Amino acid sequence: MTAKLTQSYAILEFLKNLRPDFHLPEGVAIMNPFTDKDSRALATIFYNKFYNDHHPRKFIFGINPGRFGAGVTGVPFTDPIRLQEECGIPNDLPQKAELSSIFIYDVIKRYGGPADFYKDFFITALSPLGFTKNGLNLNYYDDKELLKASEPFIIDTILKTKKTILTDSNSCFCLGEGTNFKIFQQLNKKHQLFDKIIPLPHPRFIMQYKRKQVGEFADEYVRRLRSI
């Protein structure tokens, strides 16, 4: 990224130019929020608000967008409620809560708030485009054929992320300590993408199975995020 380009410009150009060209298994569809004008407009406002600078960020990689977070707002782990109430970006989307978004914004609040958090981090995903099957969310690794077909796209987008968006670290974070982390490690071994990948328990796992310990997990997130 040249010095003349702000982080917001680089991010929006990166997202706008995502071009998946791999074969999809039968019944699987790509969910690209950046082809929807409303989602694209909200994402543009968000990135211009929090990334309109030349400050380097550290990367946090999730799995892929879901239907009720980035799938509608264009912003990872940010549902319409959090976009309006926490980020100060009004929207006319159905005000539907998404579990992972609730947890991530608890972490963000403990970190110091959206301005402080987004100054230090850029949240993306191994696949920045989502997938659905029969109208339901599908992780890129849930279907063996999809996993194999999407691997070149995933590698390409990670490399473009590193090339396009300014970072000050060759370490990154992975949301998910199970399959997502395992696959990320395998890809990293093959392609030498990062020196170190730091896993974090996935927000949805925490909200579904560890709800009583949300505060402890959120504090642990902040501790690990501040470790690099």
Protein backbone atom coordinates (compact mmCIF):
# COMPACT_ATOMS: atom_id res chain seq x y z
CA MET A 1 0.00 0.00 0.00
CA THR A 2 1.42 3.38 -0.93
CA ALA A 3 1.58 6.15 1.64
CA LYS A 4 -1.02 8.17 -0.25
CA LEU A 5 -3.76 5.60 0.29
CA THR A 6 -5.66 5.58 3.56
CA GLN A 7 -6.47 2.29 5.21
CA SER A 8 -10.17 2.85 4.50
CA TYR A 9 -9.52 3.29 0.79
CA ALA A 10 -7.33 0.17 0.68
CA ILE A 11 -9.86 -1.93 2.59
CA LEU A 12 -12.83 -0.84 0.48
CA GLU A 13 -10.94 -1.45 -2.76
CA PHE A 14 -9.95 -4.89 -1.47
CA LEU A 15 -13.55 -5.76 -0.61
CA LYS A 16 -14.98 -4.30 -3.80
CA ASN A 17 -12.64 -6.38 -5.94
CA LEU A 18 -13.24 -9.78 -4.38
CA ARG A 19 -13.73 -12.10 -7.35
CA PRO A 20 -14.41 -15.73 -6.45
CA ASP A 21 -14.02 -17.91 -9.52
CA PHE A 22 -14.14 -21.44 -8.13
CA HIS A 23 -16.72 -24.17 -8.63
CA LEU A 24 -19.40 -24.37 -5.95
CA PRO A 25 -20.84 -27.71 -4.82
CA GLU A 26 -24.47 -28.33 -5.65
CA GLY A 27 -26.82 -26.32 -3.44
CA VAL A 28 -24.10 -23.97 -2.16
CA ALA A 29 -24.32 -20.24 -2.86
CA ILE A 30 -21.86 -17.40 -2.24
CA MET A 31 -22.96 -14.59 0.06
CA ASN A 32 -21.20 -11.38 -0.94
CA PRO A 33 -22.50 -8.39 1.05
CA PHE A 34 -20.53 -6.00 -1.17
CA THR A 35 -22.81 -6.68 -4.12
CA ASP A 36 -25.72 -5.23 -2.11
CA LYS A 37 -25.86 -1.44 -2.34
CA ASP A 38 -27.14 -0.92 1.21
CA SER A 39 -24.52 -3.19 2.80
CA ARG A 40 -21.82 -1.62 0.66
CA ALA A 41 -22.92 1.88 1.69
CA LEU A 42 -22.88 0.99 5.40
CA ALA A 43 -19.47 -0.66 5.14
CA THR A 44 -18.15 2.43 3.36
CA ILE A 45 -19.38 4.67 6.19
CA PHE A 46 -17.88 2.31 8.79
CA TYR A 47 -14.42 2.06 7.22
CA ASN A 48 -14.26 5.77 6.46
CA LYS A 49 -15.15 6.48 10.09
CA PHE A 50 -12.67 4.12 11.77
CA TYR A 51 -9.91 3.56 9.18
CA ASN A 52 -9.44 6.91 7.45
CA ASP A 53 -5.73 7.09 8.34
CA HIS A 54 -2.37 5.46 7.66
CA HIS A 55 -2.08 3.66 11.01
CA PRO A 56 -1.05 -0.03 10.73
CA ARG A 57 -3.41 -2.68 12.09
CA LYS A 58 -3.05 -6.22 13.34
CA PHE A 59 -5.20 -8.82 11.59
CA ILE A 60 -7.94 -10.94 13.15
CA PHE A 61 -9.21 -13.76 10.92
CA GLY A 62 -12.64 -15.28 11.45
CA ILE A 63 -14.17 -18.10 9.41
CA ASN A 64 -16.49 -16.42 6.89
CA PRO A 65 -19.36 -13.92 7.08
CA GLY A 66 -22.73 -15.01 8.46
CA ARG A 67 -26.20 -13.96 7.32
CA PHE A 68 -27.02 -11.73 10.31
CA GLY A 69 -23.71 -9.93 10.87
CA ALA A 70 -21.37 -9.02 8.03
CA GLY A 71 -23.84 -10.62 5.64
CA VAL A 72 -26.17 -7.65 6.09
CA THR A 73 -23.97 -4.80 7.37
CA GLY A 74 -20.82 -5.54 5.36
CA VAL A 75 -18.80 -5.27 8.60
CA PRO A 76 -17.42 -8.44 10.26
CA PHE A 77 -19.02 -9.42 13.57
CA THR A 78 -21.18 -6.31 13.51
CA ASP A 79 -24.94 -6.77 13.47
CA PRO A 80 -27.32 -3.86 12.71
CA ILE A 81 -27.83 -3.18 16.44
CA ARG A 82 -24.11 -2.92 17.21
CA LEU A 83 -23.53 -0.89 14.05
CA GLN A 84 -26.02 1.72 15.25
CA GLU A 85 -25.61 1.69 19.03
CA GLU A 86 -21.87 1.01 19.39
CA CYS A 87 -20.44 2.40 16.14
CA GLY A 88 -22.84 5.34 15.83
CA ILE A 89 -23.92 4.44 12.29
CA PRO A 90 -27.72 4.65 11.85
CA ASN A 91 -29.29 2.07 9.56
CA ASP A 92 -32.71 0.90 8.43
CA LEU A 93 -31.89 -2.80 8.61
CA PRO A 94 -33.99 -5.10 10.81
CA GLN A 95 -32.53 -4.67 14.28
CA LYS A 96 -31.71 -8.34 14.77
CA ALA A 97 -29.02 -9.38 17.24
CA GLU A 98 -26.26 -11.82 16.29
CA LEU A 99 -24.57 -13.79 19.08
CA SER A 100 -20.99 -13.41 17.91
CA SER A 101 -21.48 -9.66 17.46
CA ILE A 102 -22.72 -9.31 21.03
CA PHE A 103 -19.54 -10.94 22.35
CA ILE A 104 -17.12 -9.09 20.06
CA TYR A 105 -18.55 -5.72 21.12
CA ASP A 106 -18.23 -6.72 24.77
CA VAL A 107 -14.54 -7.29 24.02
CA ILE A 108 -14.34 -4.00 22.12
CA LYS A 109 -15.88 -2.13 25.06
CA ARG A 110 -13.36 -3.66 27.47
CA TYR A 111 -10.55 -2.77 25.07
CA GLY A 112 -11.53 0.91 25.20
CA GLY A 113 -14.34 1.25 22.67
CA PRO A 114 -14.67 1.05 18.87
CA ALA A 115 -12.29 3.94 18.11
CA ASP A 116 -9.46 2.42 20.17
CA PHE A 117 -10.10 -1.13 19.02
CA TYR A 118 -10.39 -0.43 15.31
CA LYS A 119 -7.32 1.78 15.44
CA ASP A 120 -5.33 -1.33 16.37
CA PHE A 121 -7.15 -4.16 14.57
CA PHE A 122 -8.67 -5.14 11.24
CA ILE A 123 -11.18 -7.99 11.43
CA THR A 124 -11.51 -10.11 8.32
CA ALA A 125 -11.95 -13.84 7.63
CA LEU A 126 -10.12 -16.68 5.95
CA SER A 127 -12.93 -16.43 3.42
CA PRO A 128 -14.16 -12.80 3.38
CA LEU A 129 -17.18 -14.03 1.43
CA GLY A 130 -19.82 -16.19 3.10
CA PHE A 131 -21.63 -19.32 1.99
CA THR A 132 -25.14 -20.66 2.39
CA LYS A 133 -26.74 -24.02 1.71
CA ASN A 134 -30.50 -24.39 1.65
CA GLY A 135 -30.74 -20.85 3.05
CA LEU A 136 -28.57 -21.59 6.10
CA ASN A 137 -25.07 -20.42 6.99
CA LEU A 138 -22.31 -22.73 5.80
CA ASN A 139 -18.69 -22.57 6.92
CA TYR A 140 -16.12 -22.96 4.16
CA TYR A 141 -14.84 -26.14 5.83
CA ASP A 142 -18.25 -27.78 6.41
CA ASP A 143 -18.27 -29.21 2.89
CA LYS A 144 -15.16 -31.10 1.74
CA GLU A 145 -15.69 -30.15 -1.89
CA LEU A 146 -16.12 -26.48 -0.97
CA LEU A 147 -13.01 -26.55 1.23
CA LYS A 148 -10.90 -27.93 -1.59
CA ALA A 149 -12.36 -25.60 -4.22
CA SER A 150 -12.07 -22.45 -2.08
CA GLU A 151 -8.47 -22.97 -0.91
CA PRO A 152 -6.81 -21.01 -3.76
CA PHE A 153 -9.28 -18.15 -3.19
CA ILE A 154 -8.55 -18.15 0.55
CA ILE A 155 -4.79 -18.08 0.01
CA ASP A 156 -5.11 -15.33 -2.58
CA THR A 157 -7.25 -13.12 -0.33
CA ILE A 158 -4.89 -13.56 2.65
CA LEU A 159 -1.93 -12.55 0.49
CA LYS A 160 -3.87 -9.56 -0.87
CA THR A 161 -4.86 -8.57 2.66
CA LYS A 162 -1.20 -8.49 3.68
CA LYS A 163 -0.18 -6.63 0.55
CA THR A 164 -3.02 -4.10 0.54
CA ILE A 165 -3.69 -3.28 4.19
CA LEU A 166 -0.85 -1.83 6.23
CA THR A 167 0.20 -3.94 9.22
CA ASP A 168 3.01 -3.65 11.74
CA SER A 169 3.12 -7.32 12.69
CA ASN A 170 3.75 -10.67 11.07
CA SER A 171 1.63 -12.29 13.75
CA CYS A 172 -2.15 -12.50 13.56
CA PHE A 173 -5.16 -13.81 15.47
CA CYS A 174 -7.51 -16.61 14.50
CA LEU A 175 -11.09 -16.76 15.78
CA GLY A 176 -11.70 -20.40 16.55
CA GLU A 177 -9.39 -22.84 18.28
CA GLY A 178 -10.72 -25.88 16.41
CA THR A 179 -11.21 -26.49 12.69
CA ASN A 180 -10.60 -22.91 11.54
CA PHE A 181 -7.31 -22.74 13.42
CA LYS A 182 -6.24 -26.21 12.24
CA ILE A 183 -6.84 -25.31 8.59
CA PHE A 184 -5.16 -21.91 9.01
CA GLN A 185 -2.10 -23.64 10.46
CA GLN A 186 -1.99 -26.10 7.56
CA LEU A 187 -2.23 -23.28 5.01
CA ASN A 188 0.40 -21.31 6.89
CA LYS A 189 2.78 -24.25 6.86
CA LYS A 190 2.38 -24.59 3.08
CA HIS A 191 2.53 -20.89 2.20
CA GLN A 192 4.45 -19.18 5.07
CA LEU A 193 1.77 -16.52 5.52
CA PHE A 194 2.56 -15.46 9.11
CA ASP A 195 5.29 -16.09 11.66
CA LYS A 196 2.74 -16.76 14.38
CA ILE A 197 -1.02 -17.39 14.51
CA ILE A 198 -2.62 -16.84 17.92
CA PRO A 199 -5.92 -18.71 18.37
CA LEU A 200 -8.90 -17.32 20.27
CA PRO A 201 -12.04 -19.28 21.19
CA HIS A 202 -14.76 -18.52 18.67
CA PRO A 203 -17.36 -15.98 19.86
CA ARG A 204 -20.29 -18.22 18.88
CA PHE A 205 -18.85 -21.14 20.87
CA ILE A 206 -18.52 -18.89 23.91
CA MET A 207 -22.04 -17.49 23.59
CA GLN A 208 -23.63 -20.90 23.02
CA TYR A 209 -21.70 -23.07 25.47
CA LYS A 210 -19.90 -20.78 27.95
CA ARG A 211 -22.48 -18.04 28.44
CA LYS A 212 -21.97 -17.82 32.21
CA GLN A 213 -18.26 -17.12 31.70
CA VAL A 214 -18.58 -14.50 28.97
CA GLY A 215 -16.86 -11.84 31.08
CA GLU A 216 -13.88 -14.09 31.77
CA PHE A 217 -13.53 -14.95 28.08
CA ALA A 218 -13.83 -11.28 27.09
CA ASP A 219 -11.07 -10.33 29.52
CA GLU A 220 -8.88 -13.15 28.18
CA TYR A 221 -9.47 -11.87 24.65
CA VAL A 222 -8.26 -8.42 25.64
CA ARG A 223 -5.20 -9.89 27.34
CA ARG A 224 -4.24 -11.89 24.25
CA LEU A 225 -5.00 -9.03 21.87
CA ARG A 226 -2.62 -6.80 23.82
CA SER A 227 0.10 -9.47 23.75
CA ILE A 228 1.53 -8.49 20.35
